Protein backbone atom coordinates (compact mmCIF):
# COMPACT_ATOMS: atom_id res chain seq x y z
CA MET A 1 0.00 0.00 0.00
CA ALA A 2 1.34 3.41 -0.95
CA LYS A 3 -0.33 6.57 0.37
CA HIS A 4 0.07 9.67 -1.78
CA ILE A 5 0.28 13.31 -0.68
CA ASP A 6 -3.06 14.06 -2.34
CA GLY A 7 -4.74 11.49 -0.06
CA THR A 8 -5.17 8.74 -2.64
CA ALA A 9 -3.73 5.27 -2.17
CA SER A 10 -2.24 2.68 -4.51
CA ALA A 11 -2.05 -1.06 -3.98
CA VAL A 12 1.45 -2.19 -4.97
CA ALA A 13 2.52 -5.62 -6.22
CA VAL A 14 6.22 -6.46 -6.53
CA ARG A 15 7.20 -9.40 -8.71
CA PRO A 16 10.15 -10.50 -10.85
CA LEU A 17 9.46 -9.72 -14.51
CA THR A 18 10.09 -13.31 -15.54
CA ARG A 19 7.29 -14.51 -13.25
CA VAL A 20 4.95 -11.74 -14.40
CA CYS A 21 5.38 -12.93 -17.98
CA LYS A 22 5.43 -16.66 -17.27
CA TYR A 23 2.27 -16.70 -15.14
CA ARG A 24 0.44 -13.82 -16.87
CA PHE A 25 0.34 -11.95 -13.58
CA GLU A 26 -0.92 -8.80 -15.32
CA ASP A 27 -4.21 -10.59 -16.04
CA THR A 28 -4.53 -11.62 -12.40
CA LEU A 29 -3.74 -8.09 -11.26
CA ARG A 30 -6.41 -6.64 -13.55
CA LEU A 31 -8.98 -8.95 -11.95
CA ILE A 32 -7.82 -7.90 -8.48
CA ALA A 33 -7.94 -4.21 -9.46
CA ALA A 34 -11.50 -4.57 -10.72
CA GLN A 35 -12.61 -5.96 -7.35
CA LEU A 36 -10.74 -3.57 -5.04
CA PRO A 37 -12.94 -1.10 -3.25
CA ARG A 38 -12.00 2.49 -4.13
CA SER A 39 -11.93 3.18 -0.39
CA PHE A 40 -8.90 0.86 -0.20
CA ALA A 41 -6.95 1.96 -3.28
CA THR A 42 -7.62 4.01 -6.38
CA ARG A 43 -4.90 2.29 -8.44
CA VAL A 44 -2.91 -0.90 -8.58
CA LEU A 45 0.79 -0.70 -9.41
CA LEU A 46 3.09 -3.48 -10.52
CA PHE A 47 6.82 -3.10 -9.94
CA THR A 48 9.33 -5.49 -11.47
CA ASP A 49 13.08 -5.66 -11.70
CA ALA A 50 12.92 -3.89 -15.06
CA ASP A 51 11.89 -0.66 -13.29
CA VAL A 52 15.17 -0.08 -11.45
CA PRO A 53 18.01 1.09 -13.68
CA ARG A 54 21.19 -0.87 -12.98
CA GLN A 55 23.17 2.31 -12.24
CA THR A 56 20.86 3.21 -9.34
CA ILE A 57 21.88 0.11 -7.42
CA VAL A 58 24.54 0.99 -4.88
CA PRO A 59 27.53 -1.22 -5.73
CA HIS A 60 28.83 -1.46 -2.16
CA ALA A 61 25.51 -2.25 -0.48
CA PRO A 62 25.63 -5.64 1.32
CA THR A 63 22.60 -6.95 -0.58
CA THR A 64 24.09 -5.95 -3.92
CA ARG A 65 27.34 -7.75 -3.06
CA LEU A 66 25.40 -10.89 -2.17
CA ILE A 67 23.42 -10.76 -5.41
CA GLU A 68 26.54 -10.20 -7.51
CA ARG A 69 28.35 -13.07 -5.77
CA ALA A 70 25.36 -15.36 -6.31
CA LYS A 71 25.42 -14.50 -10.02
CA GLU A 72 29.13 -15.30 -10.17
CA LEU A 73 28.38 -18.69 -8.65
CA GLY A 74 25.70 -19.37 -11.27
CA ALA A 75 22.52 -18.50 -9.40
CA PRO A 76 19.58 -17.34 -11.52
CA ALA A 77 19.43 -13.59 -12.10
CA VAL A 78 17.69 -11.56 -9.43
CA PRO A 79 15.46 -9.09 -11.22
CA PRO A 80 15.08 -5.34 -10.37
CA PHE A 81 11.58 -3.62 -10.36
CA SER A 82 9.08 -2.45 -13.07
CA HIS A 83 5.69 -0.85 -12.88
CA MET A 84 2.44 -0.98 -14.68
CA MET A 85 -0.75 0.78 -13.68
CA PHE A 86 -4.16 -0.80 -13.63
CA ALA A 87 -7.18 1.34 -12.90
């Protein structure tokens, strides 16, 4: 849930882009958005790893170091965030 300065609220979903595509999560989110009471949220946002530019990730942050090391060891890529609005 994200509250905005103007008093509105958005429901926020965070998923890896690969899962959004694989499981057609956008369709599911549209169904959820259609059933949400406007008193709860006026919009539904989807954030995926595609929404965070690589250069905005702090290279020395502990989490970033862990992710980079996991990639070096052959772990699947950890996606950043992307958004899509459903209203």
